[in-house]
Amino acid sequence: MIGILTAFGKILIDALLDTLKLAPFLYLMFVLMEFIEHKASKKTLNMLARSGRISPLVGALCGAVPQCGFSAAAAGLYAGRVVSVGTLLAVFLSTSDELIPVLISGGAQFTTALNIVGFKVAVGIVVGVAADAIVNLKRRHRGGDFDRDSIHDLCESEHCNCGNGLWHSALHHAVRILIVIFALSVILGTTIELIGEDSIKTAFISTPFVGNMISALIGLIPNCAASVIITELYLESIITPGAMISGLLAGSGIGIFVLMRNNRRPIENAAIIVTLLIVGILCGTLVDLIGITF
């Protein structure tokens, strides 16, 4: 019993120390991202709504920006038929959420983050263009600029406190992610202690398709915590690059939640979610088969 308590205490201490090491850098990253979002989000969303046939390209580039607003805003725009389904899929597939700050704060090279985001953007563009070509949806304008109040409403649904100032909002986001990272570190540490790191790795590597499917299902969770979980698992070398890609492609932050809440067409919503899942699993499996590393 004493041995178990000692081991668990060590897991807690290690998780706390690892989390505290990330805190300053993670906070500064969120300050920078909040600054970019506050300065550029309205113009970018207006551009997305007006970009016509190249909107999947613009949507994929918008989704790559590491913040929670664009996937949610794109879902709202799609529900109002301001953008096409291809544009929505491009945004969802390229959404990076907390990928970049967690990767870099976890010690990964910046080029690694760029390669992963670039891969997601490329997939988003291809799938978005293909979806628009197949469905042949044409964008219908509602006129005028995109209302920034809609972003505020979406942020309120996630309790982002985005309207309380750049520094406070960045702190709020950083604390939330740090709590998730700490909890995940404890869970991972306990799991590794009980099962063994080699056994977990073998389970994912020996059955890559199943591992990719599990990761994609985790990515579908409508919360930014999903991207944190998947990225942390990849940094710990628990999952393969393909499983990481599967989860990150399927994940779109709170975008799916906003889509289901605002788009009163359940069959469309189901088709979009299934598409994200299939694309994520197939691309992740392809990455593993080819042996792509980031």
C-alpha atoms as a PDB file:
ATOM      1  CA  MET A   1       0.000   0.000   0.000  1.00  0.00           C
ATOM      2  CA  ILE A   2       2.802   2.375   0.945  1.00  0.00           C
ATOM      3  CA  GLY A   3       4.557   1.550  -2.316  1.00  0.00           C
ATOM      4  CA  ILE A   4       1.426   2.411  -4.323  1.00  0.00           C
ATOM      5  CA  LEU A   5       1.005   5.738  -2.504  1.00  0.00           C
ATOM      6  CA  THR A   6       4.672   6.555  -3.027  1.00  0.00           C
ATOM      7  CA  ALA A   7       4.435   5.789  -6.750  1.00  0.00           C
ATOM      8  CA  PHE A   8       1.251   7.862  -7.117  1.00  0.00           C
ATOM      9  CA  GLY A   9       2.826  10.732  -5.188  1.00  0.00           C
ATOM     10  CA  LYS A  10       5.782  10.672  -7.573  1.00  0.00           C
ATOM     11  CA  ILE A  11       3.385  10.723 -10.539  1.00  0.00           C
ATOM     12  CA  LEU A  12       1.602  13.780  -9.093  1.00  0.00           C
ATOM     13  CA  ILE A  13       4.860  15.628  -8.432  1.00  0.00           C
ATOM     14  CA  ASP A  14       6.246  14.863 -11.893  1.00  0.00           C
ATOM     15  CA  ALA A  15       2.988  15.951 -13.536  1.00  0.00           C
ATOM     16  CA  LEU A  16       2.923  19.193 -11.520  1.00  0.00           C
ATOM     17  CA  LEU A  17       6.555  20.039 -12.300  1.00  0.00           C
ATOM     18  CA  ASP A  18       6.105  19.300 -16.018  1.00  0.00           C
ATOM     19  CA  THR A  19       2.981  21.488 -16.096  1.00  0.00           C
ATOM     20  CA  LEU A  20       4.621  24.393 -14.257  1.00  0.00           C
ATOM     21  CA  LYS A  21       7.540  24.333 -16.693  1.00  0.00           C
ATOM     22  CA  LEU A  22       5.089  24.893 -19.543  1.00  0.00           C
ATOM     23  CA  ALA A  23       3.098  27.682 -17.848  1.00  0.00           C
ATOM     24  CA  PRO A  24       5.173  30.809 -18.717  1.00  0.00           C
ATOM     25  CA  PHE A  25       5.723  29.866 -22.341  1.00  0.00           C
ATOM     26  CA  LEU A  26       2.132  28.754 -22.818  1.00  0.00           C
ATOM     27  CA  TYR A  27       0.834  32.041 -21.398  1.00  0.00           C
ATOM     28  CA  LEU A  28       3.044  34.123 -23.694  1.00  0.00           C
ATOM     29  CA  MET A  29       1.875  32.044 -26.666  1.00  0.00           C
ATOM     30  CA  PHE A  30      -1.758  32.747 -25.810  1.00  0.00           C
ATOM     31  CA  VAL A  31      -1.067  36.476 -25.372  1.00  0.00           C
ATOM     32  CA  LEU A  32       0.315  36.527 -28.905  1.00  0.00           C
ATOM     33  CA  MET A  33      -2.620  34.538 -30.299  1.00  0.00           C
ATOM     34  CA  GLU A  34      -5.172  36.734 -28.494  1.00  0.00           C
ATOM     35  CA  PHE A  35      -3.503  39.813 -29.975  1.00  0.00           C
ATOM     36  CA  ILE A  36      -3.721  38.340 -33.475  1.00  0.00           C
ATOM     37  CA  GLU A  37      -7.336  37.277 -32.978  1.00  0.00           C
ATOM     38  CA  HIS A  38      -8.465  40.648 -31.619  1.00  0.00           C
ATOM     39  CA  LYS A  39      -6.772  42.524 -34.449  1.00  0.00           C
ATOM     40  CA  ALA A  40      -7.545  40.306 -37.394  1.00  0.00           C
ATOM     41  CA  SER A  41     -10.526  38.006 -36.786  1.00  0.00           C
ATOM     42  CA  LYS A  42     -13.295  40.321 -38.073  1.00  0.00           C
ATOM     43  CA  LYS A  43     -11.472  41.138 -41.325  1.00  0.00           C
ATOM     44  CA  THR A  44     -10.559  37.485 -41.828  1.00  0.00           C
ATOM     45  CA  LEU A  45     -14.136  36.277 -41.360  1.00  0.00           C
ATOM     46  CA  ASN A  46     -15.420  38.951 -43.740  1.00  0.00           C
ATOM     47  CA  MET A  47     -12.871  37.747 -46.294  1.00  0.00           C
ATOM     48  CA  LEU A  48     -13.996  34.148 -45.738  1.00  0.00           C
ATOM     49  CA  ALA A  49     -17.630  35.081 -46.337  1.00  0.00           C
ATOM     50  CA  ARG A  50     -16.769  36.927 -49.569  1.00  0.00           C
ATOM     51  CA  SER A  51     -14.108  34.687 -51.095  1.00  0.00           C
ATOM     52  CA  GLY A  52     -16.388  32.834 -53.543  1.00  0.00           C
ATOM     53  CA  ARG A  53     -14.974  29.783 -55.298  1.00  0.00           C
ATOM     54  CA  ILE A  54     -11.648  29.937 -53.480  1.00  0.00           C
ATOM     55  CA  SER A  55     -13.360  29.895 -50.088  1.00  0.00           C
ATOM     56  CA  PRO A  56     -12.105  26.340 -49.245  1.00  0.00           C
ATOM     57  CA  LEU A  57      -8.548  27.651 -49.681  1.00  0.00           C
ATOM     58  CA  VAL A  58      -9.237  30.694 -47.505  1.00  0.00           C
ATOM     59  CA  GLY A  59     -11.102  28.540 -44.991  1.00  0.00           C
ATOM     60  CA  ALA A  60      -8.230  26.083 -44.668  1.00  0.00           C
ATOM     61  CA  LEU A  61      -5.773  28.926 -44.029  1.00  0.00           C
ATOM     62  CA  CYS A  62      -8.127  30.509 -41.478  1.00  0.00           C
ATOM     63  CA  GLY A  63      -8.551  27.215 -39.652  1.00  0.00           C
ATOM     64  CA  ALA A  64      -4.795  26.886 -39.260  1.00  0.00           C
ATOM     65  CA  VAL A  65      -4.724  29.929 -36.953  1.00  0.00           C
ATOM     66  CA  PRO A  66      -4.392  28.492 -33.411  1.00  0.00           C
ATOM     67  CA  GLN A  67      -7.487  29.844 -31.684  1.00  0.00           C
ATOM     68  CA  CYS A  68     -11.029  28.632 -31.017  1.00  0.00           C
ATOM     69  CA  GLY A  69     -13.039  31.205 -32.975  1.00  0.00           C
ATOM     70  CA  PHE A  70     -12.775  30.263 -36.640  1.00  0.00           C
ATOM     71  CA  SER A  71     -14.205  26.735 -36.559  1.00  0.00           C
ATOM     72  CA  ALA A  72     -17.149  27.925 -34.475  1.00  0.00           C
ATOM     73  CA  ALA A  73     -17.686  30.982 -36.686  1.00  0.00           C
ATOM     74  CA  ALA A  74     -17.472  28.848 -39.846  1.00  0.00           C
ATOM     75  CA  ALA A  75     -20.160  26.547 -38.445  1.00  0.00           C
ATOM     76  CA  GLY A  76     -22.396  29.559 -37.862  1.00  0.00           C
ATOM     77  CA  LEU A  77     -21.723  30.868 -41.372  1.00  0.00           C
ATOM     78  CA  TYR A  78     -22.557  27.470 -42.845  1.00  0.00           C
ATOM     79  CA  ALA A  79     -25.792  27.215 -40.852  1.00  0.00           C
ATOM     80  CA  GLY A  80     -26.796  30.532 -42.444  1.00  0.00           C
ATOM     81  CA  ARG A  81     -25.667  29.272 -45.868  1.00  0.00           C
ATOM     82  CA  VAL A  82     -23.112  32.055 -46.159  1.00  0.00           C
ATOM     83  CA  VAL A  83     -20.317  29.563 -46.930  1.00  0.00           C
ATOM     84  CA  SER A  84     -20.365  26.176 -48.647  1.00  0.00           C
ATOM     85  CA  VAL A  85     -19.987  22.756 -47.089  1.00  0.00           C
ATOM     86  CA  GLY A  86     -16.544  22.520 -48.723  1.00  0.00           C
ATOM     87  CA  THR A  87     -15.447  25.667 -46.935  1.00  0.00           C
ATOM     88  CA  LEU A  88     -16.752  24.341 -43.624  1.00  0.00           C
ATOM     89  CA  LEU A  89     -14.912  21.039 -44.081  1.00  0.00           C
ATOM     90  CA  ALA A  90     -11.724  22.898 -45.042  1.00  0.00           C
ATOM     91  CA  VAL A  91     -11.904  24.950 -41.831  1.00  0.00           C
ATOM     92  CA  PHE A  92     -12.718  21.934 -39.664  1.00  0.00           C
ATOM     93  CA  LEU A  93      -9.944  19.754 -41.110  1.00  0.00           C
ATOM     94  CA  SER A  94      -7.267  22.445 -40.847  1.00  0.00           C
ATOM     95  CA  THR A  95      -8.270  23.704 -37.381  1.00  0.00           C
ATOM     96  CA  SER A  96      -5.173  23.541 -35.215  1.00  0.00           C
ATOM     97  CA  ASP A  97      -6.751  24.617 -31.902  1.00  0.00           C
ATOM     98  CA  GLU A  98      -4.081  24.190 -29.199  1.00  0.00           C
ATOM     99  CA  LEU A  99      -1.740  22.113 -31.370  1.00  0.00           C
ATOM    100  CA  ILE A 100       0.985  24.710 -31.955  1.00  0.00           C
ATOM    101  CA  PRO A 101       1.386  26.048 -28.380  1.00  0.00           C
ATOM    102  CA  VAL A 102       1.278  22.560 -26.844  1.00  0.00           C
ATOM    103  CA  LEU A 103       3.769  21.160 -29.367  1.00  0.00           C
ATOM    104  CA  ILE A 104       6.259  23.986 -28.986  1.00  0.00           C
ATOM    105  CA  SER A 105       5.915  24.240 -25.206  1.00  0.00           C
ATOM    106  CA  GLY A 106       6.421  20.467 -25.103  1.00  0.00           C
ATOM    107  CA  GLY A 107       9.825  20.772 -26.765  1.00  0.00           C
ATOM    108  CA  ALA A 108       8.957  20.030 -30.393  1.00  0.00           C
ATOM    109  CA  GLN A 109      10.667  21.976 -33.157  1.00  0.00           C
ATOM    110  CA  PHE A 110       8.704  24.839 -34.704  1.00  0.00           C
ATOM    111  CA  THR A 111       9.205  23.213 -38.103  1.00  0.00           C
ATOM    112  CA  THR A 112       7.421  20.127 -36.781  1.00  0.00           C
ATOM    113  CA  ALA A 113       4.385  22.224 -35.903  1.00  0.00           C
ATOM    114  CA  LEU A 114       4.485  23.897 -39.319  1.00  0.00           C
ATOM    115  CA  ASN A 115       4.708  20.527 -41.095  1.00  0.00           C
ATOM    116  CA  ILE A 116       1.704  19.146 -39.209  1.00  0.00           C
ATOM    117  CA  VAL A 117      -0.384  22.280 -39.758  1.00  0.00           C
ATOM    118  CA  GLY A 118       0.684  22.367 -43.417  1.00  0.00           C
ATOM    119  CA  PHE A 119      -0.437  18.760 -43.866  1.00  0.00           C
ATOM    120  CA  LYS A 120      -3.817  19.567 -42.296  1.00  0.00           C
ATOM    121  CA  VAL A 121      -4.240  22.647 -44.492  1.00  0.00           C
ATOM    122  CA  ALA A 122      -3.453  20.636 -47.631  1.00  0.00           C
ATOM    123  CA  VAL A 123      -5.993  17.957 -46.691  1.00  0.00           C
ATOM    124  CA  GLY A 124      -8.561  20.658 -45.879  1.00  0.00           C
ATOM    125  CA  ILE A 125      -8.133  22.311 -49.278  1.00  0.00           C
ATOM    126  CA  VAL A 126      -8.357  19.034 -51.228  1.00  0.00           C
ATOM    127  CA  VAL A 127     -11.393  17.737 -49.329  1.00  0.00           C
ATOM    128  CA  GLY A 128     -13.097  21.144 -49.368  1.00  0.00           C
ATOM    129  CA  VAL A 129     -12.714  21.606 -53.107  1.00  0.00           C
ATOM    130  CA  ALA A 130     -13.810  18.014 -53.745  1.00  0.00           C
ATOM    131  CA  ALA A 131     -16.876  18.393 -51.502  1.00  0.00           C
ATOM    132  CA  ASP A 132     -17.993  21.547 -53.298  1.00  0.00           C
ATOM    133  CA  ALA A 133     -17.454  19.884 -56.666  1.00  0.00           C
ATOM    134  CA  ILE A 134     -19.486  16.815 -55.665  1.00  0.00           C
ATOM    135  CA  VAL A 135     -22.318  18.563 -53.874  1.00  0.00           C
ATOM    136  CA  ASN A 136     -22.184  21.573 -56.204  1.00  0.00           C
ATOM    137  CA  LEU A 137     -23.258  23.963 -53.465  1.00  0.00           C
ATOM    138  CA  LYS A 138     -23.240  27.639 -54.293  1.00  0.00           C
ATOM    139  CA  ARG A 139     -22.689  30.215 -51.616  1.00  0.00           C
ATOM    140  CA  ARG A 140     -25.630  32.506 -50.939  1.00  0.00           C
ATOM    141  CA  HIS A 141     -24.931  35.939 -49.468  1.00  0.00           C
ATOM    142  CA  ARG A 142     -26.939  37.529 -46.740  1.00  0.00           C
ATOM    143  CA  GLY A 143     -25.332  40.896 -47.396  1.00  0.00           C
ATOM    144  CA  GLY A 144     -23.190  43.078 -45.171  1.00  0.00           C
ATOM    145  CA  ASP A 145     -20.236  42.140 -43.007  1.00  0.00           C
ATOM    146  CA  PHE A 146     -20.030  39.256 -40.602  1.00  0.00           C
ATOM    147  CA  ASP A 147     -21.271  40.407 -37.209  1.00  0.00           C
ATOM    148  CA  ARG A 148     -18.562  40.222 -34.558  1.00  0.00           C
ATOM    149  CA  ASP A 149     -21.278  39.777 -31.905  1.00  0.00           C
ATOM    150  CA  SER A 150     -21.733  36.230 -33.209  1.00  0.00           C
ATOM    151  CA  ILE A 151     -18.129  35.468 -32.272  1.00  0.00           C
ATOM    152  CA  HIS A 152     -18.811  36.853 -28.820  1.00  0.00           C
ATOM    153  CA  ASP A 153     -21.849  34.574 -28.466  1.00  0.00           C
ATOM    154  CA  LEU A 154     -19.765  31.585 -29.516  1.00  0.00           C
ATOM    155  CA  CYS A 155     -17.048  32.470 -27.050  1.00  0.00           C
ATOM    156  CA  GLU A 156     -19.671  32.782 -24.316  1.00  0.00           C
ATOM    157  CA  SER A 157     -20.789  29.227 -25.044  1.00  0.00           C
ATOM    158  CA  GLU A 158     -17.249  28.107 -24.230  1.00  0.00           C
ATOM    159  CA  HIS A 159     -16.871  30.577 -21.322  1.00  0.00           C
ATOM    160  CA  CYS A 160     -13.748  32.004 -22.958  1.00  0.00           C
ATOM    161  CA  ASN A 161     -14.090  35.433 -21.292  1.00  0.00           C
ATOM    162  CA  CYS A 162     -12.751  36.898 -24.544  1.00  0.00           C
ATOM    163  CA  GLY A 163     -14.289  40.281 -23.823  1.00  0.00           C
ATOM    164  CA  ASN A 164     -12.369  40.859 -20.584  1.00  0.00           C
ATOM    165  CA  GLY A 165      -9.141  42.049 -22.151  1.00  0.00           C
ATOM    166  CA  LEU A 166      -6.238  40.447 -23.920  1.00  0.00           C
ATOM    167  CA  TRP A 167      -4.146  39.597 -20.840  1.00  0.00           C
ATOM    168  CA  HIS A 168      -7.059  38.205 -18.836  1.00  0.00           C
ATOM    169  CA  SER A 169      -8.365  36.174 -21.772  1.00  0.00           C
ATOM    170  CA  ALA A 170      -4.896  34.731 -22.449  1.00  0.00           C
ATOM    171  CA  LEU A 171      -4.563  33.797 -18.766  1.00  0.00           C
ATOM    172  CA  HIS A 172      -7.980  32.131 -18.820  1.00  0.00           C
ATOM    173  CA  HIS A 173      -7.087  30.039 -21.869  1.00  0.00           C
ATOM    174  CA  ALA A 174      -3.646  29.150 -20.496  1.00  0.00           C
ATOM    175  CA  VAL A 175      -5.010  28.045 -17.103  1.00  0.00           C
ATOM    176  CA  ARG A 176      -7.654  25.859 -18.765  1.00  0.00           C
ATOM    177  CA  ILE A 177      -5.085  24.146 -20.963  1.00  0.00           C
ATOM    178  CA  LEU A 178      -2.625  23.736 -18.081  1.00  0.00           C
ATOM    179  CA  ILE A 179      -5.327  22.036 -16.008  1.00  0.00           C
ATOM    180  CA  VAL A 180      -6.017  19.653 -18.892  1.00  0.00           C
ATOM    181  CA  ILE A 181      -2.298  18.981 -19.349  1.00  0.00           C
ATOM    182  CA  PHE A 182      -1.847  18.306 -15.620  1.00  0.00           C
ATOM    183  CA  ALA A 183      -4.849  15.943 -15.510  1.00  0.00           C
ATOM    184  CA  LEU A 184      -3.672  14.166 -18.634  1.00  0.00           C
ATOM    185  CA  SER A 185      -0.139  13.848 -17.261  1.00  0.00           C
ATOM    186  CA  VAL A 186      -1.497  12.208 -14.108  1.00  0.00           C
ATOM    187  CA  ILE A 187      -3.689   9.829 -16.132  1.00  0.00           C
ATOM    188  CA  LEU A 188      -0.845   8.950 -18.494  1.00  0.00           C
ATOM    189  CA  GLY A 189       1.600   8.484 -15.663  1.00  0.00           C
ATOM    190  CA  THR A 190      -0.809   6.213 -13.772  1.00  0.00           C
ATOM    191  CA  THR A 191      -1.664   4.234 -16.911  1.00  0.00           C
ATOM    192  CA  ILE A 192       1.992   3.751 -17.814  1.00  0.00           C
ATOM    193  CA  GLU A 193       2.750   2.685 -14.236  1.00  0.00           C
ATOM    194  CA  LEU A 194      -0.062   0.112 -14.253  1.00  0.00           C
ATOM    195  CA  ILE A 195       0.152  -1.221 -17.826  1.00  0.00           C
ATOM    196  CA  GLY A 196       3.637  -0.320 -18.956  1.00  0.00           C
ATOM    197  CA  GLU A 197       4.729   2.103 -21.663  1.00  0.00           C
ATOM    198  CA  ASP A 198       5.915  -0.641 -23.996  1.00  0.00           C
ATOM    199  CA  SER A 199       2.567  -2.454 -23.814  1.00  0.00           C
ATOM    200  CA  ILE A 200       0.638   0.734 -24.676  1.00  0.00           C
ATOM    201  CA  LYS A 201       2.931   1.550 -27.603  1.00  0.00           C
ATOM    202  CA  THR A 202       2.688  -2.005 -28.880  1.00  0.00           C
ATOM    203  CA  ALA A 203      -1.124  -1.842 -28.775  1.00  0.00           C
ATOM    204  CA  PHE A 204      -1.145   1.230 -31.027  1.00  0.00           C
ATOM    205  CA  ILE A 205       1.673   0.138 -33.329  1.00  0.00           C
ATOM    206  CA  SER A 206       0.490  -3.456 -33.820  1.00  0.00           C
ATOM    207  CA  THR A 207      -3.055  -2.322 -34.672  1.00  0.00           C
ATOM    208  CA  PRO A 208      -2.503   1.072 -36.344  1.00  0.00           C
ATOM    209  CA  PHE A 209      -5.940   1.278 -37.981  1.00  0.00           C
ATOM    210  CA  VAL A 210      -7.698   0.700 -34.648  1.00  0.00           C
ATOM    211  CA  GLY A 211      -5.394   3.206 -32.948  1.00  0.00           C
ATOM    212  CA  ASN A 212      -6.140   5.771 -35.652  1.00  0.00           C
ATOM    213  CA  MET A 213      -9.875   5.194 -35.252  1.00  0.00           C
ATOM    214  CA  ILE A 214      -9.693   5.686 -31.478  1.00  0.00           C
ATOM    215  CA  SER A 215      -7.654   8.861 -31.938  1.00  0.00           C
ATOM    216  CA  ALA A 216     -10.150  10.185 -34.522  1.00  0.00           C
ATOM    217  CA  LEU A 217     -13.031   9.540 -32.125  1.00  0.00           C
ATOM    218  CA  ILE A 218     -11.183  11.469 -29.414  1.00  0.00           C
ATOM    219  CA  GLY A 219     -10.678  14.304 -31.902  1.00  0.00           C
ATOM    220  CA  LEU A 220     -14.441  14.539 -32.477  1.00  0.00           C
ATOM    221  CA  ILE A 221     -14.966  15.602 -28.861  1.00  0.00           C
ATOM    222  CA  PRO A 222     -16.244  19.208 -29.246  1.00  0.00           C
ATOM    223  CA  ASN A 223     -13.713  20.834 -26.973  1.00  0.00           C
ATOM    224  CA  CYS A 224     -10.195  22.194 -27.336  1.00  0.00           C
ATOM    225  CA  ALA A 225      -9.063  19.607 -24.771  1.00  0.00           C
ATOM    226  CA  ALA A 226      -9.176  16.956 -27.512  1.00  0.00           C
ATOM    227  CA  SER A 227      -6.283  18.534 -29.410  1.00  0.00           C
ATOM    228  CA  VAL A 228      -4.306  18.824 -26.177  1.00  0.00           C
ATOM    229  CA  ILE A 229      -4.833  15.148 -25.362  1.00  0.00           C
ATOM    230  CA  ILE A 230      -3.827  13.960 -28.837  1.00  0.00           C
ATOM    231  CA  THR A 231      -0.786  16.239 -29.004  1.00  0.00           C
ATOM    232  CA  GLU A 232       0.400  15.185 -25.561  1.00  0.00           C
ATOM    233  CA  LEU A 233       0.028  11.513 -26.461  1.00  0.00           C
ATOM    234  CA  TYR A 234       2.140  12.140 -29.560  1.00  0.00           C
ATOM    235  CA  LEU A 235       4.799  14.034 -27.603  1.00  0.00           C
ATOM    236  CA  GLU A 236       4.981  11.142 -25.142  1.00  0.00           C
ATOM    237  CA  SER A 237       5.448   8.767 -28.125  1.00  0.00           C
ATOM    238  CA  ILE A 238       2.381   6.829 -27.020  1.00  0.00           C
ATOM    239  CA  ILE A 239       0.651   7.115 -30.413  1.00  0.00           C
ATOM    240  CA  THR A 240       2.021   7.023 -33.945  1.00  0.00           C
ATOM    241  CA  PRO A 241       2.240  10.065 -36.269  1.00  0.00           C
ATOM    242  CA  GLY A 242      -0.688   8.579 -38.183  1.00  0.00           C
ATOM    243  CA  ALA A 243      -2.857   8.320 -35.074  1.00  0.00           C
ATOM    244  CA  MET A 244      -1.952  11.909 -34.218  1.00  0.00           C
ATOM    245  CA  ILE A 245      -2.988  13.060 -37.706  1.00  0.00           C
ATOM    246  CA  SER A 246      -6.234  11.062 -37.496  1.00  0.00           C
ATOM    247  CA  GLY A 247      -7.228  12.771 -34.274  1.00  0.00           C
ATOM    248  CA  LEU A 248      -6.182  16.264 -35.302  1.00  0.00           C
ATOM    249  CA  LEU A 249      -7.950  16.073 -38.673  1.00  0.00           C
ATOM    250  CA  ALA A 250     -11.187  14.842 -37.105  1.00  0.00           C
ATOM    251  CA  GLY A 251     -11.010  17.498 -34.393  1.00  0.00           C
ATOM    252  CA  SER A 252     -12.501  20.940 -34.926  1.00  0.00           C
ATOM    253  CA  GLY A 253     -12.673  22.343 -31.418  1.00  0.00           C
ATOM    254  CA  ILE A 254     -16.172  23.583 -30.560  1.00  0.00           C
ATOM    255  CA  GLY A 255     -17.074  23.834 -34.248  1.00  0.00           C
ATOM    256  CA  ILE A 256     -19.069  20.572 -34.244  1.00  0.00           C
ATOM    257  CA  PHE A 257     -21.025  21.681 -31.165  1.00  0.00           C
ATOM    258  CA  VAL A 258     -21.915  25.003 -32.816  1.00  0.00           C
ATOM    259  CA  LEU A 259     -22.839  23.221 -36.056  1.00  0.00           C
ATOM    260  CA  MET A 260     -25.225  20.846 -34.284  1.00  0.00           C
ATOM    261  CA  ARG A 261     -26.731  23.681 -32.290  1.00  0.00           C
ATOM    262  CA  ASN A 262     -27.249  26.116 -35.190  1.00  0.00           C
ATOM    263  CA  ASN A 263     -27.747  23.934 -38.264  1.00  0.00           C
ATOM    264  CA  ARG A 264     -31.244  22.412 -38.093  1.00  0.00           C
ATOM    265  CA  ARG A 265     -30.405  19.716 -40.615  1.00  0.00           C
ATOM    266  CA  PRO A 266     -29.361  16.596 -38.653  1.00  0.00           C
ATOM    267  CA  ILE A 267     -28.628  14.495 -41.759  1.00  0.00           C
ATOM    268  CA  GLU A 268     -26.191  17.152 -43.033  1.00  0.00           C
ATOM    269  CA  ASN A 269     -24.551  17.372 -39.625  1.00  0.00           C
ATOM    270  CA  ALA A 270     -24.147  13.598 -39.460  1.00  0.00           C
ATOM    271  CA  ALA A 271     -22.674  13.514 -42.983  1.00  0.00           C
ATOM    272  CA  ILE A 272     -20.133  16.220 -42.073  1.00  0.00           C
ATOM    273  CA  ILE A 273     -19.088  14.422 -38.889  1.00  0.00           C
ATOM    274  CA  VAL A 274     -18.764  11.075 -40.692  1.00  0.00           C
ATOM    275  CA  THR A 275     -16.683  12.771 -43.409  1.00  0.00           C
ATOM    276  CA  LEU A 276     -14.307  14.186 -40.793  1.00  0.00           C
ATOM    277  CA  LEU A 277     -13.991  10.751 -39.207  1.00  0.00           C
ATOM    278  CA  ILE A 278     -13.352   8.934 -42.501  1.00  0.00           C
ATOM    279  CA  VAL A 279     -10.856  11.515 -43.793  1.00  0.00           C
ATOM    280  CA  GLY A 280      -9.015  11.484 -40.475  1.00  0.00           C
ATOM    281  CA  ILE A 281      -8.737   7.691 -40.310  1.00  0.00           C
ATOM    282  CA  LEU A 282      -7.747   7.291 -43.966  1.00  0.00           C
ATOM    283  CA  CYS A 283      -5.122  10.042 -43.900  1.00  0.00           C
ATOM    284  CA  GLY A 284      -3.700   8.778 -40.610  1.00  0.00           C
ATOM    285  CA  THR A 285      -3.490   5.230 -41.943  1.00  0.00           C
ATOM    286  CA  LEU A 286      -1.774   6.516 -45.095  1.00  0.00           C
ATOM    287  CA  VAL A 287       0.766   8.422 -42.970  1.00  0.00           C
ATOM    288  CA  ASP A 288       1.589   5.239 -41.046  1.00  0.00           C
ATOM    289  CA  LEU A 289       1.797   3.069 -44.165  1.00  0.00           C
ATOM    290  CA  ILE A 290       4.086   5.466 -46.008  1.00  0.00           C
ATOM    291  CA  GLY A 291       6.120   6.169 -42.889  1.00  0.00           C
ATOM    292  CA  ILE A 292       5.709   9.949 -42.894  1.00  0.00           C
ATOM    293  CA  THR A 293       7.322  11.712 -39.952  1.00  0.00           C
ATOM    294  CA  PHE A 294       6.877  15.308 -38.973  1.00  0.00           C
END
